[in-house]
Amino acid sequence: GTGAFTPEQAARVTRTAAAELGVEPTADGFVG
């Protein structure tokens, strides 16, 4: 019941994924 990430934690994962994939960390960036 306490397994959720905070938005700040999730943003850290998103920034890393975007950098690794070479895209902007937005829905438009990931779409392609």
Full PDB file with SEQRES, HELIX, SHEET, SSBOND, CRYST1, ORIGX, SCALE, CONECT and MASTER records, all heavy atoms in Angstrom:
SEQRES   1 A   32  GLY THR GLY ALA PHE THR PRO GLU GLN ALA ALA ARG VAL          
SEQRES   2 A   32  THR ARG THR ALA ALA ALA GLU LEU GLY VAL GLU PRO THR          
SEQRES   3 A   32  ALA ASP GLY PHE VAL GLY                                      
HELIX    1 AA1 PRO A    7  LEU A   21  1                                  15    
HELIX    2 AA2 ALA A   27  VAL A   31  1                                   5    
CRYST1    1.000    1.000    1.000  90.00  90.00  90.00 P 1           1          
ORIGX1      1.000000  0.000000  0.000000        0.00000                         
ORIGX2      0.000000  1.000000  0.000000        0.00000                         
ORIGX3      0.000000  0.000000  1.000000        0.00000                         
SCALE1      1.000000  0.000000  0.000000        0.00000                         
SCALE2      0.000000  1.000000  0.000000        0.00000                         
SCALE3      0.000000  0.000000  1.000000        0.00000                         
ATOM      1  N   GLY A   1       0.814  -1.208   0.000  1.00  0.00           N  
ATOM      2  CA  GLY A   1       0.000   0.000   0.000  1.00  0.00           C  
ATOM      3  C   GLY A   1       0.842   1.251   0.000  1.00  0.00           C  
ATOM      4  O   GLY A   1       0.323   2.371  -0.016  1.00  0.00           O  
ATOM      5  N   THR A   2       2.180   1.079  -0.010  1.00  0.00           N  
ATOM      6  CA  THR A   2       3.101   2.225  -0.033  1.00  0.00           C  
ATOM      7  C   THR A   2       4.152   2.016  -1.120  1.00  0.00           C  
ATOM      8  O   THR A   2       5.304   2.401  -0.962  1.00  0.00           O  
ATOM      9  CB  THR A   2       3.777   2.401   1.338  1.00  0.00           C  
ATOM     10  OG1 THR A   2       4.483   1.194   1.685  1.00  0.00           O  
ATOM     11  CG2 THR A   2       2.755   2.707   2.423  1.00  0.00           C  
ATOM     12  N   GLY A   3       3.748   1.406  -2.237  1.00  0.00           N  
ATOM     13  CA  GLY A   3       4.687   1.065  -3.294  1.00  0.00           C  
ATOM     14  C   GLY A   3       4.780   2.069  -4.428  1.00  0.00           C  
ATOM     15  O   GLY A   3       5.441   1.806  -5.433  1.00  0.00           O  
ATOM     16  N   ALA A   4       4.137   3.224  -4.294  1.00  0.00           N  
ATOM     17  CA  ALA A   4       4.111   4.203  -5.384  1.00  0.00           C  
ATOM     18  C   ALA A   4       5.362   5.077  -5.378  1.00  0.00           C  
ATOM     19  O   ALA A   4       5.894   5.427  -4.320  1.00  0.00           O  
ATOM     20  CB  ALA A   4       2.865   5.078  -5.267  1.00  0.00           C  
ATOM     21  N   PHE A   5       5.811   5.449  -6.561  1.00  0.00           N  
ATOM     22  CA  PHE A   5       6.850   6.470  -6.705  1.00  0.00           C  
ATOM     23  C   PHE A   5       6.212   7.847  -6.563  1.00  0.00           C  
ATOM     24  O   PHE A   5       5.055   8.058  -6.968  1.00  0.00           O  
ATOM     25  CB  PHE A   5       7.500   6.400  -8.087  1.00  0.00           C  
ATOM     26  CG  PHE A   5       8.403   5.213  -8.314  1.00  0.00           C  
ATOM     27  CD1 PHE A   5       8.773   4.867  -9.599  1.00  0.00           C  
ATOM     28  CD2 PHE A   5       8.896   4.455  -7.263  1.00  0.00           C  
ATOM     29  CE1 PHE A   5       9.611   3.787  -9.840  1.00  0.00           C  
ATOM     30  CE2 PHE A   5       9.733   3.366  -7.488  1.00  0.00           C  
ATOM     31  CZ  PHE A   5      10.100   3.041  -8.783  1.00  0.00           C  
ATOM     32  N   THR A   6       6.963   8.793  -6.039  1.00  0.00           N  
ATOM     33  CA  THR A   6       6.538  10.190  -6.089  1.00  0.00           C  
ATOM     34  C   THR A   6       6.784  10.721  -7.501  1.00  0.00           C  
ATOM     35  O   THR A   6       7.602  10.175  -8.245  1.00  0.00           O  
ATOM     36  CB  THR A   6       7.318  11.056  -5.090  1.00  0.00           C  
ATOM     37  OG1 THR A   6       8.696  11.107  -5.509  1.00  0.00           O  
ATOM     38  CG2 THR A   6       7.229  10.485  -3.674  1.00  0.00           C  
ATOM     39  N   PRO A   7       6.108  11.815  -7.890  1.00  0.00           N  
ATOM     40  CA  PRO A   7       6.392  12.402  -9.205  1.00  0.00           C  
ATOM     41  C   PRO A   7       7.869  12.761  -9.384  1.00  0.00           C  
ATOM     42  O   PRO A   7       8.410  12.622 -10.489  1.00  0.00           O  
ATOM     43  CB  PRO A   7       5.494  13.644  -9.220  1.00  0.00           C  
ATOM     44  CG  PRO A   7       4.334  13.258  -8.363  1.00  0.00           C  
ATOM     45  CD  PRO A   7       4.929  12.431  -7.255  1.00  0.00           C  
ATOM     46  N   GLU A   8       8.521  13.192  -8.311  1.00  0.00           N  
ATOM     47  CA  GLU A   8       9.956  13.526  -8.397  1.00  0.00           C  
ATOM     48  C   GLU A   8      10.795  12.292  -8.718  1.00  0.00           C  
ATOM     49  O   GLU A   8      11.715  12.338  -9.554  1.00  0.00           O  
ATOM     50  CB  GLU A   8      10.421  14.144  -7.070  1.00  0.00           C  
ATOM     51  CG  GLU A   8      11.891  14.548  -7.072  1.00  0.00           C  
ATOM     52  CD  GLU A   8      12.374  15.061  -5.713  1.00  0.00           C  
ATOM     53  OE1 GLU A   8      11.560  15.110  -4.765  1.00  0.00           O  
ATOM     54  OE2 GLU A   8      13.573  15.394  -5.601  1.00  0.00           O  
ATOM     55  N   GLN A   9      10.480  11.163  -8.081  1.00  0.00           N  
ATOM     56  CA  GLN A   9      11.208   9.928  -8.371  1.00  0.00           C  
ATOM     57  C   GLN A   9      10.953   9.475  -9.806  1.00  0.00           C  
ATOM     58  O   GLN A   9      11.872   9.068 -10.525  1.00  0.00           O  
ATOM     59  CB  GLN A   9      10.785   8.839  -7.389  1.00  0.00           C  
ATOM     60  CG  GLN A   9      11.266   9.077  -5.965  1.00  0.00           C  
ATOM     61  CD  GLN A   9      10.683   8.081  -4.990  1.00  0.00           C  
ATOM     62  OE1 GLN A   9       9.489   7.798  -5.013  1.00  0.00           O  
ATOM     63  NE2 GLN A   9      11.518   7.550  -4.105  1.00  0.00           N  
ATOM     64  N   ALA A  10       9.683   9.535 -10.222  1.00  0.00           N  
ATOM     65  CA  ALA A  10       9.338   9.107 -11.578  1.00  0.00           C  
ATOM     66  C   ALA A  10      10.021   9.978 -12.628  1.00  0.00           C  
ATOM     67  O   ALA A  10      10.460   9.477 -13.677  1.00  0.00           O  
ATOM     68  CB  ALA A  10       7.822   9.155 -11.759  1.00  0.00           C  
ATOM     69  N   ALA A  11      10.136  11.280 -12.345  1.00  0.00           N  
ATOM     70  CA  ALA A  11      10.791  12.197 -13.293  1.00  0.00           C  
ATOM     71  C   ALA A  11      12.252  11.814 -13.497  1.00  0.00           C  
ATOM     72  O   ALA A  11      12.802  11.973 -14.599  1.00  0.00           O  
ATOM     73  CB  ALA A  11      10.676  13.629 -12.794  1.00  0.00           C  
ATOM     74  N   ARG A  12      12.886  11.286 -12.473  1.00  0.00           N  
ATOM     75  CA  ARG A  12      14.287  10.856 -12.578  1.00  0.00           C  
ATOM     76  C   ARG A  12      14.407   9.695 -13.570  1.00  0.00           C  
ATOM     77  O   ARG A  12      15.327   9.647 -14.383  1.00  0.00           O  
ATOM     78  CB  ARG A  12      14.791  10.448 -11.194  1.00  0.00           C  
ATOM     79  CG  ARG A  12      16.284  10.497 -11.026  1.00  0.00           C  
ATOM     80  CD  ARG A  12      16.692  10.256  -9.574  1.00  0.00           C  
ATOM     81  NE  ARG A  12      16.381  11.380  -8.703  1.00  0.00           N  
ATOM     82  CZ  ARG A  12      16.650  11.408  -7.394  1.00  0.00           C  
ATOM     83  NH1 ARG A  12      17.215  10.354  -6.822  1.00  0.00           N  
ATOM     84  NH2 ARG A  12      16.342  12.459  -6.663  1.00  0.00           N  
ATOM     85  N   VAL A  13      13.446   8.764 -13.499  1.00  0.00           N  
ATOM     86  CA  VAL A  13      13.441   7.636 -14.446  1.00  0.00           C  
ATOM     87  C   VAL A  13      13.174   8.144 -15.860  1.00  0.00           C  
ATOM     88  O   VAL A  13      13.834   7.723 -16.823  1.00  0.00           O  
ATOM     89  CB  VAL A  13      12.375   6.593 -14.037  1.00  0.00           C  
ATOM     90  CG1 VAL A  13      12.359   5.426 -15.027  1.00  0.00           C  
ATOM     91  CG2 VAL A  13      12.624   6.079 -12.624  1.00  0.00           C  
ATOM     92  N   THR A  14      12.229   9.063 -16.001  1.00  0.00           N  
ATOM     93  CA  THR A  14      11.867   9.594 -17.322  1.00  0.00           C  
ATOM     94  C   THR A  14      13.038  10.314 -17.959  1.00  0.00           C  
ATOM     95  O   THR A  14      13.325  10.124 -19.154  1.00  0.00           O  
ATOM     96  CB  THR A  14      10.654  10.536 -17.201  1.00  0.00           C  
ATOM     97  OG1 THR A  14       9.577   9.836 -16.576  1.00  0.00           O  
ATOM     98  CG2 THR A  14      10.212  11.031 -18.568  1.00  0.00           C  
ATOM     99  N   ARG A  15      13.740  11.158 -17.201  1.00  0.00           N  
ATOM    100  CA  ARG A  15      14.896  11.881 -17.755  1.00  0.00           C  
ATOM    101  C   ARG A  15      15.973  10.904 -18.223  1.00  0.00           C  
ATOM    102  O   ARG A  15      16.583  11.085 -19.280  1.00  0.00           O  
ATOM    103  CB  ARG A  15      15.467  12.848 -16.712  1.00  0.00           C  
ATOM    104  CG  ARG A  15      14.631  14.092 -16.483  1.00  0.00           C  
ATOM    105  CD  ARG A  15      15.402  15.151 -15.718  1.00  0.00           C  
ATOM    106  NE  ARG A  15      15.831  14.687 -14.395  1.00  0.00           N  
ATOM    107  CZ  ARG A  15      15.091  14.805 -13.290  1.00  0.00           C  
ATOM    108  NH1 ARG A  15      13.883  15.356 -13.357  1.00  0.00           N  
ATOM    109  NH2 ARG A  15      15.545  14.386 -12.123  1.00  0.00           N  
ATOM    110  N   THR A  16      16.205   9.859 -17.426  1.00  0.00           N  
ATOM    111  CA  THR A  16      17.230   8.872 -17.795  1.00  0.00           C  
ATOM    112  C   THR A  16      16.824   8.121 -19.049  1.00  0.00           C  
ATOM    113  O   THR A  16      17.642   7.919 -19.964  1.00  0.00           O  
ATOM    114  CB  THR A  16      17.452   7.882 -16.637  1.00  0.00           C  
ATOM    115  OG1 THR A  16      17.768   8.609 -15.446  1.00  0.00           O  
ATOM    116  CG2 THR A  16      18.594   6.930 -16.944  1.00  0.00           C  
ATOM    117  N   ALA A  17      15.557   7.699 -19.132  1.00  0.00           N  
ATOM    118  CA  ALA A  17      15.077   6.981 -20.315  1.00  0.00           C  
ATOM    119  C   ALA A  17      15.191   7.860 -21.558  1.00  0.00           C  
ATOM    120  O   ALA A  17      15.626   7.397 -22.626  1.00  0.00           O  
ATOM    121  CB  ALA A  17      13.640   6.524 -20.114  1.00  0.00           C  
ATOM    122  N   ALA A  18      14.800   9.125 -21.437  1.00  0.00           N  
ATOM    123  CA  ALA A  18      14.865  10.041 -22.585  1.00  0.00           C  
ATOM    124  C   ALA A  18      16.308  10.241 -23.039  1.00  0.00           C  
ATOM    125  O   ALA A  18      16.599  10.234 -24.252  1.00  0.00           O  
ATOM    126  CB  ALA A  18      14.230  11.379 -22.211  1.00  0.00           C  
ATOM    127  N   ALA A  19      17.218  10.397 -22.086  1.00  0.00           N  
ATOM    128  CA  ALA A  19      18.629  10.580 -22.437  1.00  0.00           C  
ATOM    129  C   ALA A  19      19.191   9.339 -23.119  1.00  0.00           C  
ATOM    130  O   ALA A  19      19.918   9.438 -24.120  1.00  0.00           O  
ATOM    131  CB  ALA A  19      19.427  10.908 -21.173  1.00  0.00           C  
ATOM    132  N   GLU A  20      18.853   8.173 -22.604  1.00  0.00           N  
ATOM    133  CA  GLU A  20      19.351   6.923 -23.198  1.00  0.00           C  
ATOM    134  C   GLU A  20      18.809   6.714 -24.612  1.00  0.00           C  
ATOM    135  O   GLU A  20      19.495   6.161 -25.475  1.00  0.00           O  
ATOM    136  CB  GLU A  20      18.968   5.727 -22.317  1.00  0.00           C  
ATOM    137  CG  GLU A  20      19.691   5.666 -20.988  1.00  0.00           C  
ATOM    138  CD  GLU A  20      21.140   5.215 -21.128  1.00  0.00           C  
ATOM    139  OE1 GLU A  20      21.522   4.771 -22.239  1.00  0.00           O  
ATOM    140  OE2 GLU A  20      21.889   5.308 -20.143  1.00  0.00           O  
ATOM    141  N   LEU A  21      17.564   7.155 -24.836  1.00  0.00           N  
ATOM    142  CA  LEU A  21      16.934   6.972 -26.141  1.00  0.00           C  
ATOM    143  C   LEU A  21      17.161   8.145 -27.082  1.00  0.00           C  
ATOM    144  O   LEU A  21      16.796   8.091 -28.265  1.00  0.00           O  
ATOM    145  CB  LEU A  21      15.428   6.741 -25.966  1.00  0.00           C  
ATOM    146  CG  LEU A  21      15.037   5.418 -25.283  1.00  0.00           C  
ATOM    147  CD1 LEU A  21      13.578   5.440 -24.852  1.00  0.00           C  
ATOM    148  CD2 LEU A  21      15.306   4.233 -26.204  1.00  0.00           C  
ATOM    149  N   GLY A  22      17.746   9.231 -26.559  1.00  0.00           N  
ATOM    150  CA  GLY A  22      18.045  10.392 -27.380  1.00  0.00           C  
ATOM    151  C   GLY A  22      16.832  11.176 -27.811  1.00  0.00           C  
ATOM    152  O   GLY A  22      16.771  11.688 -28.937  1.00  0.00           O  
ATOM    153  N   VAL A  23      15.826  11.285 -26.921  1.00  0.00           N  
ATOM    154  CA  VAL A  23      14.604  12.017 -27.242  1.00  0.00           C  
ATOM    155  C   VAL A  23      14.273  12.989 -26.105  1.00  0.00           C  
ATOM    156  O   VAL A  23      14.867  12.938 -25.029  1.00  0.00           O  
ATOM    157  CB  VAL A  23      13.406  11.055 -27.454  1.00  0.00           C  
ATOM    158  CG1 VAL A  23      13.683  10.111 -28.613  1.00  0.00           C  
ATOM    159  CG2 VAL A  23      13.090  10.271 -26.178  1.00  0.00           C  
ATOM    160  N   GLU A  24      13.328  13.874 -26.368  1.00  0.00           N  
ATOM    161  CA  GLU A  24      12.836  14.769 -25.325  1.00  0.00           C  
ATOM    162  C   GLU A  24      11.971  13.976 -24.342  1.00  0.00           C  
ATOM    163  O   GLU A  24      11.255  13.052 -24.754  1.00  0.00           O  
ATOM    164  CB  GLU A  24      12.015  15.906 -25.931  1.00  0.00           C  
ATOM    165  CG  GLU A  24      12.840  16.929 -26.692  1.00  0.00           C  
ATOM    166  CD  GLU A  24      13.827  17.646 -25.780  1.00  0.00           C  
ATOM    167  OE1 GLU A  24      13.396  18.148 -24.717  1.00  0.00           O  
ATOM    168  OE2 GLU A  24      15.020  17.687 -26.123  1.00  0.00           O  
ATOM    169  N   PRO A  25      11.982  14.348 -23.040  1.00  0.00           N  
ATOM    170  CA  PRO A  25      11.211  13.587 -22.033  1.00  0.00           C  
ATOM    171  C   PRO A  25       9.733  13.950 -22.017  1.00  0.00           C  
ATOM    172  O   PRO A  25       9.155  14.261 -20.981  1.00  0.00           O  
ATOM    173  CB  PRO A  25      11.903  13.961 -20.729  1.00  0.00           C  
ATOM    174  CG  PRO A  25      12.413  15.349 -20.960  1.00  0.00           C  
ATOM    175  CD  PRO A  25      12.810  15.412 -22.420  1.00  0.00           C  
ATOM    176  N   THR A  26       9.102  13.905 -23.186  1.00  0.00           N  
ATOM    177  CA  THR A  26       7.675  14.229 -23.320  1.00  0.00           C  
ATOM    178  C   THR A  26       7.002  13.145 -24.155  1.00  0.00           C  
ATOM    179  O   THR A  26       7.664  12.346 -24.817  1.00  0.00           O  
ATOM    180  CB  THR A  26       7.487  15.577 -24.039  1.00  0.00           C  
ATOM    181  OG1 THR A  26       8.013  15.452 -25.379  1.00  0.00           O  
ATOM    182  CG2 THR A  26       8.212  16.710 -23.304  1.00  0.00           C  
ATOM    183  N   ALA A  27       5.670  13.165 -24.139  1.00  0.00           N  
ATOM    184  CA  ALA A  27       4.932  12.190 -24.947  1.00  0.00           C  
ATOM    185  C   ALA A  27       5.306  12.331 -26.425  1.00  0.00           C  
ATOM    186  O   ALA A  27       5.536  11.336 -27.119  1.00  0.00           O  
ATOM    187  CB  ALA A  27       3.430  12.377 -24.746  1.00  0.00           C  
ATOM    188  N   ASP A  28       5.407  13.574 -26.919  1.00  0.00           N  
ATOM    189  CA  ASP A  28       5.785  13.778 -28.320  1.00  0.00           C  
ATOM    190  C   ASP A  28       7.181  13.233 -28.599  1.00  0.00           C  
ATOM    191  O   ASP A  28       7.433  12.696 -29.685  1.00  0.00           O  
ATOM    192  CB  ASP A  28       5.730  15.270 -28.666  1.00  0.00           C  
ATOM    193  CG  ASP A  28       4.299  15.785 -28.760  1.00  0.00           C  
ATOM    194  OD1 ASP A  28       3.374  14.951 -28.878  1.00  0.00           O  
ATOM    195  OD2 ASP A  28       4.107  17.018 -28.688  1.00  0.00           O  
ATOM    196  N   GLY A  29       8.075  13.357 -27.607  1.00  0.00           N  
ATOM    197  CA  GLY A  29       9.431  12.852 -27.788  1.00  0.00           C  
ATOM    198  C   GLY A  29       9.486  11.341 -27.883  1.00  0.00           C  
ATOM    199  O   GLY A  29      10.248  10.778 -28.686  1.00  0.00           O  
ATOM    200  N   PHE A  30       8.680  10.673 -27.101  1.00  0.00           N  
ATOM    201  CA  PHE A  30       8.727   9.202 -27.045  1.00  0.00           C  
ATOM    202  C   PHE A  30       7.905   8.523 -28.146  1.00  0.00           C  
ATOM    203  O   PHE A  30       8.093   7.334 -28.407  1.00  0.00           O  
ATOM    204  CB  PHE A  30       8.223   8.713 -25.682  1.00  0.00           C  
ATOM    205  CG  PHE A  30       9.219   8.867 -24.563  1.00  0.00           C  
ATOM    206  CD1 PHE A  30       9.049   9.847 -23.589  1.00  0.00           C  
ATOM    207  CD2 PHE A  30      10.327   8.033 -24.484  1.00  0.00           C  
ATOM    208  CE1 PHE A  30       9.959   9.991 -22.562  1.00  0.00           C  
ATOM    209  CE2 PHE A  30      11.242   8.162 -23.445  1.00  0.00           C  
ATOM    210  CZ  PHE A  30      11.072   9.150 -22.488  1.00  0.00           C  
ATOM    211  N   VAL A  31       6.989   9.265 -28.778  1.00  0.00           N  
ATOM    212  CA  VAL A  31       6.028   8.651 -29.701  1.00  0.00           C  
ATOM    213  C   VAL A  31       6.710   7.902 -30.843  1.00  0.00           C  
ATOM    214  O   VAL A  31       6.255   6.835 -31.254  1.00  0.00           O  
ATOM    215  CB  VAL A  31       5.060   9.731 -30.246  1.00  0.00           C  
ATOM    216  CG1 VAL A  31       4.473   9.339 -31.579  1.00  0.00           C  
ATOM    217  CG2 VAL A  31       3.941   9.961 -29.247  1.00  0.00           C  
ATOM    218  N   GLY A  32       7.810   8.427 -31.363  1.00  0.00           N  
ATOM    219  CA  GLY A  32       8.454   7.812 -32.517  1.00  0.00           C  
ATOM    220  C   GLY A  32       9.360   6.640 -32.197  1.00  0.00           C  
ATOM    221  O   GLY A  32       9.913   6.010 -33.108  1.00  0.00           O  
TER     222      GLY A  32                                                      
MASTER        0    0    0    2    0    0    0    6  221    1    0    3          
END                                                                             
